[in-house]
Protein backbone atom coordinates (compact mmCIF):
# COMPACT_ATOMS: atom_id res chain seq x y z
CA MET A 1 -9.14 15.80 23.29
CA ASN A 2 -6.53 17.98 22.59
CA ALA A 3 -7.34 20.40 19.46
CA TYR A 4 -4.53 21.64 17.24
CA SER A 5 -3.98 24.44 14.51
CA ILE A 6 -2.89 23.32 11.73
CA SER A 7 0.65 25.55 13.03
CA LYS A 8 0.51 23.20 16.35
CA LEU A 9 -0.20 20.25 14.34
CA ALA A 10 2.45 20.47 12.08
CA ASP A 11 4.88 21.69 15.49
CA ASP A 12 3.65 18.35 17.31
CA ALA A 13 4.59 15.94 14.05
CA CYS A 14 7.77 18.09 13.36
CA VAL A 15 6.47 18.66 9.73
CA SER A 16 5.97 22.08 7.90
CA VAL A 17 2.54 23.40 7.30
CA HIS A 18 3.16 22.74 3.61
CA VAL A 19 3.28 19.16 4.59
CA VAL A 20 -0.48 19.34 6.42
CA ARG A 21 -2.07 21.44 3.70
CA ASP A 22 -0.74 18.63 0.82
CA TYR A 23 -1.83 15.73 3.26
CA MET A 24 -5.31 17.19 3.46
CA ILE A 25 -5.46 17.91 -0.42
CA ARG A 26 -4.52 14.22 -0.87
CA GLY A 27 -7.13 13.34 1.42
CA LEU A 28 -4.87 12.03 3.77
CA LEU A 29 -5.99 13.98 7.05
CA HIS A 30 -8.93 15.40 7.42
CA PRO A 31 -9.81 18.26 10.54
CA ALA A 32 -11.81 17.42 13.10
CA ARG A 33 -13.81 20.71 12.81
CA ARG A 34 -13.84 24.00 11.38
CA THR A 35 -14.58 27.01 13.80
CA GLU A 36 -17.51 29.72 12.68
CA SER A 37 -14.61 31.55 11.05
CA GLY A 38 -13.68 28.50 9.04
CA TYR A 39 -9.93 27.46 10.76
CA ASN A 40 -9.26 24.07 10.77
CA ILE A 41 -9.10 22.33 13.72
CA PHE A 42 -7.36 18.66 14.14
CA ASP A 43 -7.82 16.07 16.84
CA ASP A 44 -4.90 13.78 18.36
CA LYS A 45 -6.02 10.43 16.12
CA THR A 46 -4.58 13.39 13.08
CA LEU A 47 -1.95 13.69 15.12
CA GLY A 48 -1.10 10.22 15.15
CA ARG A 49 -2.03 9.31 11.44
CA LEU A 50 0.38 12.66 10.72
CA ARG A 51 3.15 11.19 12.59
CA PHE A 52 2.32 7.36 11.15
CA LEU A 53 2.22 8.66 7.55
CA ARG A 54 5.53 10.42 7.59
CA ALA A 55 6.96 7.54 9.34
CA ALA A 56 6.00 5.72 6.60
CA PHE A 57 6.86 7.70 3.88
CA GLU A 58 10.39 7.93 5.61
CA SER A 59 10.36 4.65 5.46
CA GLY A 60 9.81 4.52 1.65
CA ILE A 61 6.28 3.63 1.57
CA GLY A 62 4.85 5.95 -1.34
CA LEU A 63 2.21 8.35 -0.51
CA ASP A 64 -0.32 7.07 -3.16
CA GLU A 65 -0.03 3.77 -0.97
CA LEU A 66 -0.36 5.66 1.37
CA ALA A 67 -3.47 7.68 0.42
CA ARG A 68 -5.04 4.64 -0.49
CA LEU A 69 -4.53 2.78 2.49
CA CYS A 70 -6.18 6.25 4.33
CA LYS A 71 -9.43 6.23 1.85
CA ALA A 72 -9.78 2.88 3.25
CA LEU A 73 -9.46 3.59 6.64
CA ASP A 74 -11.79 6.55 6.01
CA ALA A 75 -14.31 4.11 4.50
CA ASP A 76 -14.29 2.13 7.01
CA ASP A 77 -13.89 -0.54 4.21
CA SER A 78 -12.38 -3.77 5.65
CA GLU A 79 -11.95 -5.75 2.61
CA SER A 80 -10.05 -2.65 0.92
CA LEU A 81 -8.28 -1.85 4.53
CA ASP A 82 -7.21 -5.42 4.75
CA ARG A 83 -5.82 -5.53 0.81
CA CYS A 84 -4.10 -1.97 1.97
CA VAL A 85 -2.94 -3.08 5.34
CA GLU A 86 -1.35 -6.10 3.38
CA ARG A 87 0.42 -4.15 0.67
CA VAL A 88 2.24 -2.09 3.41
CA ARG A 89 3.15 -4.58 5.23
CA TRP A 90 4.66 -6.43 2.06
CA LYS A 91 6.57 -3.09 1.64
CA ILE A 92 8.04 -2.83 4.54
CA ASP A 93 9.47 -6.50 4.88
CA VAL A 94 11.10 -5.73 1.01
CA ARG A 95 12.16 -2.62 3.23
CA ARG A 96 13.55 -4.10 6.43
CA THR A 97 15.26 -6.88 3.59
CA VAL A 98 16.78 -4.01 1.77
CA LEU A 99 18.20 -2.21 4.75
CA THR A 100 19.67 -5.69 6.24
CA VAL A 101 21.49 -5.64 3.30
CA VAL A 102 22.71 -2.52 3.22
CA GLU A 103 23.97 -2.74 6.67
CA ALA A 104 25.84 -6.33 6.13
CA SER A 105 27.39 -4.13 3.15
CA LEU A 106 28.67 -1.45 5.59
CA ASN A 107 29.57 -3.68 7.72
CA GLU A 108 31.88 -5.50 4.91
CA MET A 109 33.33 -2.29 4.07
CA ALA A 110 34.15 -1.12 7.76
CA ALA A 111 35.87 -4.35 8.43
CA GLY A 112 37.92 -3.86 4.97
CA ALA A 113 39.22 -0.28 5.87
CA ALA A 114 40.24 -1.35 8.98
CA THR A 115 42.65 -4.22 7.79
């Protein structure tokens, strides 16, 4: 298991330390353990979750939705988790559809500009 300080976790996920702290406050991330001097230590699982959260957020899934998902994951509540996963999948499908329309519009504009 790799151990990450908050700054190393942020660096490896290509986010700022402020993002990591914000996600901790929102309950999206939790340290794997704390040192005797009170420093948070994170693990590979947390790094994977952070990378997922950033990709999902940048894809248009809101932090409130992601917070519900993480809460269900952390509570090991399969019923709640299933509902959260379905909502996130639905949002992914909607985003995919919107991006397909945007791409078609871009292609039309580019073709029109070329003539």
